[in-house]
C-alpha cells in the first residue's frame, strides 16, 4: 500500500490507517478464452470488494 501511495504522489503512510482493521488475502482467478465466443454469455456489472484488482490478458 505504501508503494501505491507513493505512485500517487502521496507520502508512503498516507493510506495506511484505512487498512488497520482489515485482513490480508489474495485470490487468483484464471478465465481461459472461450472457444465458442458466439455461445458466451459473460457476466453483468459487478464490483470487487478488494483494494487492488489487477487484470491481465
C-alpha atoms as a PDB file:
ATOM      1  CA  UNK A   1       0.000   0.000   0.000  1.00  0.00           C
ATOM      2  CA  UNK A   2       2.943   2.303   0.622  1.00  0.00           C
ATOM      3  CA  UNK A   3       4.139   1.834  -2.953  1.00  0.00           C
ATOM      4  CA  UNK A   4       0.680   2.646  -4.285  1.00  0.00           C
ATOM      5  CA  UNK A   5       0.558   5.799  -2.148  1.00  0.00           C
ATOM      6  CA  UNK A   6       3.980   6.920  -3.406  1.00  0.00           C
ATOM      7  CA  UNK A   7       2.995   6.217  -7.019  1.00  0.00           C
ATOM      8  CA  UNK A   8       0.016   8.535  -6.492  1.00  0.00           C
ATOM      9  CA  UNK A   9       2.282  11.286  -5.213  1.00  0.00           C
ATOM     10  CA  UNK A  10       1.328  10.808  -1.559  1.00  0.00           C
ATOM     11  CA  UNK A  11       3.528  10.234   1.459  1.00  0.00           C
ATOM     12  CA  UNK A  12       4.127   6.487   1.988  1.00  0.00           C
ATOM     13  CA  UNK A  13       1.910   6.045   5.057  1.00  0.00           C
ATOM     14  CA  UNK A  14      -0.955   8.289   3.808  1.00  0.00           C
ATOM     15  CA  UNK A  15      -3.479   5.462   3.313  1.00  0.00           C
ATOM     16  CA  UNK A  16      -2.196   3.001   5.919  1.00  0.00           C
ATOM     17  CA  UNK A  17      -4.819   3.961   8.524  1.00  0.00           C
ATOM     18  CA  UNK A  18      -7.628   2.926   6.174  1.00  0.00           C
ATOM     19  CA  UNK A  19      -6.446  -0.697   6.422  1.00  0.00           C
ATOM     20  CA  UNK A  20      -5.670  -1.145  10.130  1.00  0.00           C
ATOM     21  CA  UNK A  21      -8.595  -3.488  10.848  1.00  0.00           C
ATOM     22  CA  UNK A  22      -8.537  -5.406   7.565  1.00  0.00           C
ATOM     23  CA  UNK A  23      -7.104  -8.831   6.966  1.00  0.00           C
ATOM     24  CA  UNK A  24      -4.881  -9.675   4.036  1.00  0.00           C
ATOM     25  CA  UNK A  25      -5.813 -12.216   1.412  1.00  0.00           C
ATOM     26  CA  UNK A  26      -5.081 -12.957  -2.193  1.00  0.00           C
ATOM     27  CA  UNK A  27      -7.333 -14.517  -4.774  1.00  0.00           C
ATOM     28  CA  UNK A  28      -6.181 -15.578  -8.206  1.00  0.00           C
ATOM     29  CA  UNK A  29      -8.727 -16.268 -10.916  1.00  0.00           C
ATOM     30  CA  UNK A  30      -7.979 -17.675 -14.339  1.00  0.00           C
ATOM     31  CA  UNK A  31     -10.538 -17.328 -17.081  1.00  0.00           C
ATOM     32  CA  UNK A  32      -9.439 -19.281 -20.152  1.00  0.00           C
ATOM     33  CA  UNK A  33     -10.554 -17.990 -23.553  1.00  0.00           C
ATOM     34  CA  UNK A  34     -13.908 -19.350 -24.664  1.00  0.00           C
ATOM     35  CA  UNK A  35     -13.533 -21.467 -27.819  1.00  0.00           C
ATOM     36  CA  UNK A  36     -17.157 -20.721 -28.765  1.00  0.00           C
ATOM     37  CA  UNK A  37     -17.471 -16.965 -28.373  1.00  0.00           C
ATOM     38  CA  UNK A  38     -20.873 -16.925 -30.039  1.00  0.00           C
ATOM     39  CA  UNK A  39     -22.184 -19.018 -27.116  1.00  0.00           C
ATOM     40  CA  UNK A  40     -20.566 -16.966 -24.320  1.00  0.00           C
ATOM     41  CA  UNK A  41     -22.983 -15.122 -22.072  1.00  0.00           C
ATOM     42  CA  UNK A  42     -20.491 -13.213 -19.908  1.00  0.00           C
ATOM     43  CA  UNK A  43     -21.224 -11.509 -16.614  1.00  0.00           C
ATOM     44  CA  UNK A  44     -23.184  -8.451 -15.708  1.00  0.00           C
ATOM     45  CA  UNK A  45     -21.664  -5.451 -13.966  1.00  0.00           C
ATOM     46  CA  UNK A  46     -20.051  -6.234 -10.644  1.00  0.00           C
ATOM     47  CA  UNK A  47     -17.682  -4.610  -8.236  1.00  0.00           C
ATOM     48  CA  UNK A  48     -14.702  -6.064  -6.494  1.00  0.00           C
ATOM     49  CA  UNK A  49     -14.531  -5.813  -2.728  1.00  0.00           C
ATOM     50  CA  UNK A  50     -10.753  -5.865  -2.766  1.00  0.00           C
ATOM     51  CA  UNK A  51      -8.417  -2.898  -2.573  1.00  0.00           C
ATOM     52  CA  UNK A  52      -6.477  -3.685  -5.699  1.00  0.00           C
ATOM     53  CA  UNK A  53      -7.554  -5.625  -8.770  1.00  0.00           C
ATOM     54  CA  UNK A  54      -5.046  -6.463 -11.490  1.00  0.00           C
ATOM     55  CA  UNK A  55      -6.361  -7.599 -14.868  1.00  0.00           C
ATOM     56  CA  UNK A  56      -4.089  -9.242 -17.402  1.00  0.00           C
ATOM     57  CA  UNK A  57      -4.663 -10.760 -20.780  1.00  0.00           C
END
